[in-house]
N, C-alpha and C. Protein backbone atom coordinates (compact mmCIF):
# COMPACT_ATOMS: atom_id res chain seq x y z
N MET A 1 -0.72 -24.83 -37.90
CA MET A 1 -0.78 -24.20 -36.62
C MET A 1 -1.65 -22.96 -36.75
N SER A 2 -2.47 -22.69 -35.75
CA SER A 2 -3.35 -21.52 -35.80
C SER A 2 -2.54 -20.25 -35.58
N LYS A 3 -3.13 -19.10 -35.97
CA LYS A 3 -2.46 -17.83 -35.77
C LYS A 3 -2.21 -17.55 -34.30
N ALA A 4 -3.17 -17.90 -33.44
CA ALA A 4 -2.99 -17.67 -32.01
C ALA A 4 -1.82 -18.49 -31.49
N ARG A 5 -1.71 -19.73 -31.94
CA ARG A 5 -0.61 -20.57 -31.49
C ARG A 5 0.71 -20.04 -32.04
N ASP A 6 0.73 -19.58 -33.30
CA ASP A 6 1.95 -18.99 -33.87
C ASP A 6 2.39 -17.79 -33.04
N LEU A 7 1.42 -16.94 -32.67
CA LEU A 7 1.73 -15.75 -31.90
C LEU A 7 2.25 -16.13 -30.52
N ALA A 8 1.63 -17.10 -29.87
CA ALA A 8 2.06 -17.52 -28.54
C ALA A 8 3.46 -18.11 -28.57
N ALA A 9 3.82 -18.76 -29.66
CA ALA A 9 5.13 -19.38 -29.75
C ALA A 9 6.21 -18.39 -30.17
N SER A 10 5.82 -17.19 -30.61
CA SER A 10 6.78 -16.20 -31.06
C SER A 10 7.52 -15.56 -29.89
N THR A 11 8.71 -15.09 -30.17
CA THR A 11 9.49 -14.34 -29.20
C THR A 11 9.53 -12.90 -29.66
N PHE A 12 9.10 -11.98 -28.77
CA PHE A 12 9.09 -10.56 -29.10
C PHE A 12 10.37 -9.92 -28.58
N THR A 13 11.01 -9.13 -29.40
CA THR A 13 12.21 -8.42 -28.97
C THR A 13 12.00 -6.92 -28.94
N ASP A 14 10.93 -6.43 -29.53
CA ASP A 14 10.64 -5.00 -29.56
C ASP A 14 9.46 -4.71 -28.64
N ALA A 15 9.40 -3.49 -28.14
CA ALA A 15 8.29 -3.08 -27.28
C ALA A 15 7.05 -2.85 -28.12
N ILE A 16 5.91 -3.10 -27.54
CA ILE A 16 4.63 -2.79 -28.17
C ILE A 16 4.14 -1.52 -27.51
N THR A 17 3.81 -0.51 -28.30
CA THR A 17 3.33 0.75 -27.74
C THR A 17 1.94 1.03 -28.26
N ALA A 18 1.16 1.69 -27.43
CA ALA A 18 -0.20 2.09 -27.80
C ALA A 18 -0.46 3.44 -27.16
N ASN A 19 -0.55 4.48 -27.95
CA ASN A 19 -0.73 5.83 -27.42
C ASN A 19 -2.09 6.05 -26.78
N GLY A 20 -3.11 5.38 -27.23
CA GLY A 20 -4.46 5.61 -26.70
C GLY A 20 -4.90 4.61 -25.67
N GLY A 21 -4.05 3.64 -25.34
CA GLY A 21 -4.42 2.61 -24.39
C GLY A 21 -4.64 1.28 -25.08
N ILE A 22 -4.92 0.27 -24.27
CA ILE A 22 -5.15 -1.09 -24.77
C ILE A 22 -6.43 -1.61 -24.16
N TYR A 23 -7.29 -2.20 -24.97
CA TYR A 23 -8.51 -2.81 -24.48
C TYR A 23 -8.21 -4.26 -24.09
N LEU A 24 -8.57 -4.62 -22.87
CA LEU A 24 -8.36 -5.97 -22.37
C LEU A 24 -9.70 -6.61 -22.05
N GLY A 25 -10.04 -7.72 -22.68
CA GLY A 25 -11.26 -8.44 -22.38
C GLY A 25 -12.52 -7.85 -22.97
N GLY A 26 -12.42 -6.95 -23.90
CA GLY A 26 -13.59 -6.34 -24.52
C GLY A 26 -13.27 -4.93 -24.97
N THR A 27 -14.22 -4.31 -25.65
CA THR A 27 -13.97 -2.98 -26.20
C THR A 27 -14.75 -1.89 -25.47
N GLY A 28 -15.38 -2.21 -24.37
CA GLY A 28 -16.10 -1.20 -23.58
C GLY A 28 -15.11 -0.32 -22.83
N SER A 29 -15.58 0.86 -22.42
CA SER A 29 -14.70 1.81 -21.72
C SER A 29 -14.12 1.23 -20.45
N GLU A 30 -14.84 0.32 -19.80
CA GLU A 30 -14.34 -0.30 -18.58
C GLU A 30 -13.16 -1.26 -18.84
N ASN A 31 -12.94 -1.61 -20.10
CA ASN A 31 -11.85 -2.51 -20.47
C ASN A 31 -10.62 -1.78 -20.99
N LEU A 32 -10.66 -0.44 -21.02
CA LEU A 32 -9.55 0.34 -21.55
C LEU A 32 -8.51 0.57 -20.47
N LEU A 33 -7.31 0.08 -20.71
CA LEU A 33 -6.18 0.32 -19.82
C LEU A 33 -5.34 1.41 -20.46
N ASP A 34 -5.42 2.62 -19.87
CA ASP A 34 -4.74 3.75 -20.49
C ASP A 34 -3.85 4.51 -19.50
N ASP A 35 -3.59 3.91 -18.33
CA ASP A 35 -2.78 4.60 -17.33
C ASP A 35 -1.97 3.58 -16.54
N ILE A 36 -0.69 3.55 -16.79
CA ILE A 36 0.24 2.71 -16.02
C ILE A 36 1.44 3.57 -15.67
N GLU A 37 1.78 3.59 -14.40
CA GLU A 37 2.98 4.31 -14.01
C GLU A 37 3.58 3.69 -12.76
N ALA A 38 4.83 3.97 -12.55
CA ALA A 38 5.55 3.48 -11.38
C ALA A 38 6.52 4.55 -10.95
N GLY A 39 6.83 4.56 -9.67
CA GLY A 39 7.77 5.56 -9.18
C GLY A 39 8.06 5.38 -7.71
N SER A 40 8.67 6.38 -7.16
CA SER A 40 8.95 6.37 -5.72
C SER A 40 8.07 7.40 -5.05
N TRP A 41 7.90 7.27 -3.75
CA TRP A 41 7.14 8.23 -2.97
C TRP A 41 7.85 8.40 -1.63
N THR A 42 7.53 9.45 -0.92
CA THR A 42 8.19 9.74 0.35
C THR A 42 7.18 9.69 1.48
N PRO A 43 7.12 8.58 2.20
CA PRO A 43 6.19 8.50 3.33
C PRO A 43 6.65 9.39 4.47
N THR A 44 5.69 9.96 5.18
CA THR A 44 5.98 10.73 6.38
C THR A 44 5.15 10.18 7.53
N LEU A 45 5.70 10.29 8.72
CA LEU A 45 4.98 9.87 9.92
C LEU A 45 4.52 11.09 10.68
N ASN A 46 3.44 10.96 11.43
CA ASN A 46 2.88 12.08 12.16
C ASN A 46 3.67 12.44 13.41
N VAL A 47 4.53 11.55 13.90
CA VAL A 47 5.33 11.80 15.10
C VAL A 47 6.72 11.21 14.91
N GLY A 48 7.74 11.90 15.35
CA GLY A 48 9.10 11.36 15.35
C GLY A 48 9.77 11.42 13.99
N SER A 49 10.92 10.76 13.91
CA SER A 49 11.65 10.71 12.64
C SER A 49 11.82 9.26 12.21
N VAL A 50 12.19 9.09 10.95
CA VAL A 50 12.27 7.76 10.37
C VAL A 50 13.31 7.77 9.26
N THR A 51 13.93 6.62 9.04
CA THR A 51 14.80 6.42 7.89
C THR A 51 14.00 5.65 6.84
N ILE A 52 13.97 6.15 5.62
CA ILE A 52 13.24 5.49 4.54
C ILE A 52 14.26 4.72 3.71
N ASP A 53 14.22 3.39 3.82
CA ASP A 53 15.15 2.56 3.07
C ASP A 53 14.71 2.37 1.62
N HIS A 54 13.42 2.29 1.41
CA HIS A 54 12.89 2.08 0.05
C HIS A 54 11.39 2.33 0.09
N SER A 55 10.89 3.10 -0.85
CA SER A 55 9.45 3.30 -1.00
C SER A 55 9.14 3.41 -2.48
N ALA A 56 8.17 2.65 -2.93
CA ALA A 56 7.81 2.64 -4.35
C ALA A 56 6.31 2.48 -4.50
N TYR A 57 5.82 2.83 -5.70
CA TYR A 57 4.42 2.61 -6.01
C TYR A 57 4.29 2.16 -7.45
N VAL A 58 3.19 1.47 -7.73
CA VAL A 58 2.79 1.10 -9.08
C VAL A 58 1.31 1.42 -9.19
N LYS A 59 0.94 2.13 -10.25
CA LYS A 59 -0.46 2.46 -10.51
C LYS A 59 -0.84 1.88 -11.87
N VAL A 60 -1.85 1.02 -11.86
CA VAL A 60 -2.37 0.42 -13.09
C VAL A 60 -3.86 0.78 -13.13
N GLY A 61 -4.22 1.65 -14.05
CA GLY A 61 -5.59 2.16 -14.06
C GLY A 61 -5.83 2.94 -12.78
N ASN A 62 -6.86 2.55 -12.02
CA ASN A 62 -7.13 3.24 -10.76
C ASN A 62 -6.70 2.41 -9.54
N LEU A 63 -5.88 1.40 -9.75
CA LEU A 63 -5.40 0.54 -8.67
C LEU A 63 -3.95 0.90 -8.35
N VAL A 64 -3.72 1.29 -7.09
CA VAL A 64 -2.40 1.73 -6.65
C VAL A 64 -1.87 0.76 -5.60
N THR A 65 -0.62 0.35 -5.73
CA THR A 65 0.05 -0.43 -4.70
C THR A 65 1.27 0.35 -4.24
N VAL A 66 1.33 0.60 -2.93
CA VAL A 66 2.49 1.28 -2.34
C VAL A 66 3.23 0.30 -1.45
N THR A 67 4.54 0.41 -1.43
CA THR A 67 5.38 -0.38 -0.53
C THR A 67 6.39 0.56 0.11
N SER A 68 6.85 0.17 1.30
CA SER A 68 7.87 0.97 1.95
C SER A 68 8.58 0.16 3.03
N ASP A 69 9.84 0.47 3.20
CA ASP A 69 10.66 -0.08 4.29
C ASP A 69 11.04 1.11 5.15
N LEU A 70 10.44 1.21 6.33
CA LEU A 70 10.73 2.30 7.26
C LEU A 70 11.52 1.74 8.43
N THR A 71 12.67 2.33 8.70
CA THR A 71 13.52 1.82 9.77
C THR A 71 13.89 2.95 10.74
N ASP A 72 14.35 2.54 11.88
CA ASP A 72 14.82 3.48 12.91
C ASP A 72 13.77 4.55 13.23
N ILE A 73 12.52 4.11 13.40
CA ILE A 73 11.46 5.02 13.81
C ILE A 73 11.75 5.40 15.26
N THR A 74 11.92 6.69 15.53
CA THR A 74 12.49 7.11 16.80
C THR A 74 11.49 7.19 17.94
N ASN A 75 10.25 7.53 17.68
CA ASN A 75 9.34 7.76 18.79
C ASN A 75 8.87 6.43 19.37
N THR A 76 8.99 6.28 20.67
CA THR A 76 8.53 5.07 21.36
C THR A 76 7.67 5.41 22.57
N THR A 77 7.27 6.66 22.71
CA THR A 77 6.53 7.07 23.90
C THR A 77 5.17 7.68 23.61
N SER A 78 4.95 8.21 22.44
CA SER A 78 3.70 8.90 22.14
C SER A 78 2.53 7.92 22.14
N THR A 79 1.41 8.38 22.69
CA THR A 79 0.20 7.57 22.64
C THR A 79 -0.63 7.90 21.40
N SER A 80 -0.06 8.69 20.48
CA SER A 80 -0.72 8.95 19.19
C SER A 80 -0.69 7.69 18.34
N ASP A 81 -1.73 7.51 17.54
CA ASP A 81 -1.73 6.41 16.58
C ASP A 81 -0.71 6.69 15.49
N VAL A 82 -0.11 5.64 14.96
CA VAL A 82 0.86 5.76 13.87
C VAL A 82 0.10 6.04 12.58
N ILE A 83 0.42 7.16 11.94
CA ILE A 83 -0.24 7.56 10.69
C ILE A 83 0.84 7.81 9.64
N VAL A 84 0.67 7.19 8.47
CA VAL A 84 1.58 7.38 7.35
C VAL A 84 0.88 8.25 6.32
N SER A 85 1.55 9.30 5.87
CA SER A 85 1.01 10.16 4.81
C SER A 85 2.07 10.34 3.73
N GLY A 86 1.79 11.21 2.77
CA GLY A 86 2.70 11.40 1.65
C GLY A 86 2.42 10.48 0.49
N LEU A 87 1.25 9.83 0.49
CA LEU A 87 0.90 8.88 -0.58
C LEU A 87 0.87 9.56 -1.94
N PRO A 88 1.20 8.82 -2.99
CA PRO A 88 1.22 9.43 -4.33
C PRO A 88 -0.17 9.79 -4.86
N PHE A 89 -1.22 9.13 -4.37
CA PHE A 89 -2.60 9.38 -4.81
C PHE A 89 -3.53 9.21 -3.62
N ALA A 90 -4.62 9.96 -3.58
CA ALA A 90 -5.65 9.79 -2.55
C ALA A 90 -6.49 8.56 -2.90
N SER A 91 -7.11 7.98 -1.88
CA SER A 91 -7.99 6.83 -2.13
C SER A 91 -9.31 7.29 -2.74
N ALA A 92 -10.01 6.35 -3.34
CA ALA A 92 -11.31 6.63 -3.97
C ALA A 92 -12.32 7.06 -2.92
N SER A 93 -13.42 7.67 -3.37
CA SER A 93 -14.43 8.19 -2.45
C SER A 93 -15.25 7.08 -1.80
N GLN A 94 -15.15 5.87 -2.29
CA GLN A 94 -15.83 4.76 -1.65
C GLN A 94 -14.89 3.58 -1.58
N GLY A 95 -14.78 3.01 -0.40
CA GLY A 95 -13.96 1.83 -0.24
C GLY A 95 -13.17 1.87 1.05
N ARG A 96 -12.78 0.71 1.49
CA ARG A 96 -11.90 0.52 2.62
C ARG A 96 -10.81 -0.43 2.16
N PHE A 97 -9.60 -0.15 2.54
CA PHE A 97 -8.48 -0.89 1.98
C PHE A 97 -7.54 -1.33 3.10
N VAL A 98 -7.09 -2.57 3.05
CA VAL A 98 -6.14 -3.09 4.03
C VAL A 98 -4.96 -3.70 3.29
N GLY A 99 -3.85 -3.81 3.97
CA GLY A 99 -2.64 -4.37 3.37
C GLY A 99 -1.96 -5.31 4.34
N SER A 100 -0.67 -5.40 4.22
CA SER A 100 0.10 -6.27 5.12
C SER A 100 1.29 -5.49 5.66
N VAL A 101 1.74 -5.88 6.85
CA VAL A 101 2.86 -5.20 7.49
C VAL A 101 3.67 -6.22 8.28
N MET A 102 4.96 -6.00 8.29
CA MET A 102 5.87 -6.77 9.13
C MET A 102 6.63 -5.73 9.97
N PHE A 103 6.82 -6.01 11.25
CA PHE A 103 7.45 -5.03 12.13
C PHE A 103 8.35 -5.75 13.13
N ARG A 104 9.24 -4.97 13.75
CA ARG A 104 10.05 -5.52 14.83
C ARG A 104 10.28 -4.45 15.89
N TYR A 105 10.54 -4.92 17.09
CA TYR A 105 10.70 -4.09 18.28
C TYR A 105 9.39 -3.42 18.68
N VAL A 106 8.29 -4.12 18.46
CA VAL A 106 6.96 -3.65 18.83
C VAL A 106 6.30 -4.73 19.67
N THR A 107 5.69 -4.33 20.77
CA THR A 107 4.97 -5.27 21.63
C THR A 107 3.47 -5.11 21.39
N PRO A 108 2.82 -6.15 20.88
CA PRO A 108 1.38 -6.05 20.64
C PRO A 108 0.62 -5.94 21.98
N PRO A 109 -0.52 -5.28 21.96
CA PRO A 109 -1.37 -5.26 23.15
C PRO A 109 -1.84 -6.67 23.49
N SER A 110 -2.27 -6.87 24.70
CA SER A 110 -2.78 -8.17 25.14
C SER A 110 -3.91 -8.64 24.23
N ASN A 111 -3.86 -9.88 23.83
CA ASN A 111 -4.87 -10.54 22.98
C ASN A 111 -4.90 -10.05 21.53
N ALA A 112 -3.93 -9.22 21.11
CA ALA A 112 -3.89 -8.80 19.71
C ALA A 112 -3.43 -9.98 18.86
N ILE A 113 -4.08 -10.18 17.72
CA ILE A 113 -3.72 -11.31 16.87
C ILE A 113 -3.08 -10.89 15.55
N GLN A 114 -3.29 -9.65 15.12
CA GLN A 114 -2.64 -9.18 13.91
C GLN A 114 -2.68 -7.67 13.84
N LEU A 115 -1.78 -7.13 13.01
CA LEU A 115 -1.71 -5.70 12.75
C LEU A 115 -1.82 -5.50 11.25
N VAL A 116 -2.68 -4.59 10.81
CA VAL A 116 -2.83 -4.34 9.38
C VAL A 116 -2.87 -2.84 9.11
N PRO A 117 -2.30 -2.43 7.96
CA PRO A 117 -2.52 -1.05 7.53
C PRO A 117 -3.94 -0.91 7.00
N TYR A 118 -4.59 0.20 7.36
CA TYR A 118 -5.97 0.44 6.96
C TYR A 118 -6.09 1.85 6.39
N MET A 119 -6.78 1.95 5.26
CA MET A 119 -7.03 3.24 4.61
C MET A 119 -8.51 3.35 4.30
N GLY A 120 -9.13 4.44 4.73
CA GLY A 120 -10.54 4.68 4.45
C GLY A 120 -10.72 5.39 3.12
N ASN A 121 -11.96 5.78 2.86
CA ASN A 121 -12.26 6.44 1.58
C ASN A 121 -11.83 7.90 1.60
N SER A 122 -11.52 8.42 0.43
CA SER A 122 -11.08 9.81 0.22
C SER A 122 -9.96 10.21 1.17
N ALA A 123 -8.99 9.33 1.35
CA ALA A 123 -7.91 9.57 2.32
C ALA A 123 -6.57 9.81 1.62
N ASN A 124 -5.74 10.60 2.27
CA ASN A 124 -4.37 10.85 1.82
C ASN A 124 -3.36 10.22 2.76
N SER A 125 -3.85 9.44 3.73
CA SER A 125 -2.99 8.81 4.71
C SER A 125 -3.64 7.50 5.15
N PHE A 126 -2.90 6.72 5.92
CA PHE A 126 -3.47 5.50 6.49
C PHE A 126 -2.85 5.24 7.85
N SER A 127 -3.52 4.39 8.61
CA SER A 127 -3.09 4.03 9.97
C SER A 127 -2.92 2.52 10.06
N PHE A 128 -2.46 2.07 11.20
CA PHE A 128 -2.31 0.65 11.47
C PHE A 128 -3.26 0.28 12.60
N TYR A 129 -3.94 -0.85 12.45
CA TYR A 129 -4.90 -1.29 13.45
C TYR A 129 -4.63 -2.71 13.90
N TRP A 130 -4.73 -2.90 15.22
CA TRP A 130 -4.66 -4.23 15.81
C TRP A 130 -6.04 -4.86 15.78
N SER A 131 -6.11 -6.14 15.49
CA SER A 131 -7.36 -6.88 15.67
C SER A 131 -7.14 -7.87 16.82
N PHE A 132 -8.23 -8.22 17.47
CA PHE A 132 -8.15 -9.04 18.68
C PHE A 132 -9.02 -10.27 18.54
N ASN A 133 -8.67 -11.33 19.25
CA ASN A 133 -9.45 -12.55 19.18
C ASN A 133 -10.60 -12.56 20.18
N ASN A 134 -10.72 -11.54 21.02
CA ASN A 134 -11.78 -11.53 22.03
C ASN A 134 -12.54 -10.21 22.05
N SER A 135 -12.56 -9.49 20.95
CA SER A 135 -13.19 -8.18 20.94
C SER A 135 -13.77 -7.89 19.57
N SER A 136 -14.81 -7.09 19.55
CA SER A 136 -15.41 -6.72 18.27
C SER A 136 -14.87 -5.38 17.77
N THR A 137 -13.84 -4.84 18.43
CA THR A 137 -13.28 -3.55 18.02
C THR A 137 -11.85 -3.71 17.53
N TRP A 138 -11.35 -2.68 16.87
CA TRP A 138 -9.96 -2.60 16.45
C TRP A 138 -9.35 -1.43 17.20
N ASP A 139 -8.08 -1.51 17.50
CA ASP A 139 -7.38 -0.42 18.16
C ASP A 139 -6.23 0.03 17.28
N GLY A 140 -6.04 1.34 17.23
CA GLY A 140 -4.93 1.89 16.47
C GLY A 140 -3.59 1.57 17.12
N MET A 141 -2.59 1.30 16.30
CA MET A 141 -1.24 1.09 16.82
C MET A 141 -0.69 2.43 17.27
N GLN A 142 -0.11 2.45 18.45
CA GLN A 142 0.49 3.66 19.00
C GLN A 142 2.01 3.54 18.98
N TYR A 143 2.68 4.67 18.92
CA TYR A 143 4.14 4.67 18.98
C TYR A 143 4.62 4.03 20.27
N ALA A 144 3.85 4.18 21.34
CA ALA A 144 4.22 3.61 22.63
C ALA A 144 4.22 2.08 22.63
N ASN A 145 3.70 1.44 21.57
CA ASN A 145 3.78 -0.02 21.46
C ASN A 145 5.20 -0.48 21.17
N ALA A 146 6.07 0.43 20.77
CA ALA A 146 7.46 0.08 20.44
C ALA A 146 8.31 0.02 21.71
N THR A 147 9.29 -0.87 21.69
CA THR A 147 10.17 -1.03 22.84
C THR A 147 11.50 -0.32 22.65
N GLN A 148 11.81 0.05 21.43
CA GLN A 148 13.03 0.79 21.09
C GLN A 148 12.84 1.32 19.68
N ALA A 149 13.85 1.99 19.11
CA ALA A 149 13.73 2.43 17.72
C ALA A 149 13.30 1.22 16.90
N TRP A 150 12.25 1.37 16.11
CA TRP A 150 11.62 0.20 15.49
C TRP A 150 11.51 0.35 13.99
N ASP A 151 11.17 -0.77 13.36
CA ASP A 151 11.12 -0.86 11.89
C ASP A 151 9.79 -1.45 11.45
N MET A 152 9.38 -1.09 10.25
CA MET A 152 8.21 -1.73 9.63
C MET A 152 8.36 -1.75 8.11
N TYR A 153 7.86 -2.81 7.53
CA TYR A 153 7.81 -2.98 6.08
C TYR A 153 6.36 -3.24 5.74
N PHE A 154 5.80 -2.47 4.79
CA PHE A 154 4.39 -2.66 4.49
C PHE A 154 4.11 -2.56 3.00
N THR A 155 2.96 -3.13 2.65
CA THR A 155 2.37 -3.05 1.32
C THR A 155 0.89 -2.74 1.48
N LEU A 156 0.39 -1.81 0.69
CA LEU A 156 -1.03 -1.47 0.73
C LEU A 156 -1.48 -1.25 -0.71
N THR A 157 -2.59 -1.89 -1.07
CA THR A 157 -3.19 -1.70 -2.39
C THR A 157 -4.55 -1.05 -2.20
N TYR A 158 -4.81 0.00 -2.97
CA TYR A 158 -6.06 0.73 -2.84
C TYR A 158 -6.49 1.30 -4.20
N ARG A 159 -7.75 1.69 -4.26
CA ARG A 159 -8.27 2.31 -5.48
C ARG A 159 -8.23 3.83 -5.33
N THR A 160 -7.94 4.50 -6.43
CA THR A 160 -7.96 5.94 -6.48
C THR A 160 -9.04 6.38 -7.47
N SER A 161 -9.38 7.64 -7.48
CA SER A 161 -10.43 8.13 -8.39
C SER A 161 -9.96 8.12 -9.82
């Protein structure tokens, strides 16, 4: 049996640690993975109050994924766009990032086909945008789109510097 096959068939019971990082797929600096962390974060909304059921992030290198379960969002009348801030890291200076969201007690505008979280470059916050099947523009989600205290669960992955 080859050494690679012996290693693949082995069962590891101890952690492998590397103080300087691990090279994946080559030995160039772009292949060095030297930053992995996970934790919680506290999202804030620009209007109203919210209950945070769960918010977490994972950062691997310069790639950050944030998740959150926001419930009982109180504002249902403001025509302000919904903006989430309090992110653990700002986005990179170049890039646009979208994620996924699930919501309830929200009425989409006429002809809206989906809602996505959107984060631009060098940002510390993100907004939600409706896309339409009959328009070349996107519209920001407003608190007034809600019919009562509402909830949303989202995931957004973005690059940081």
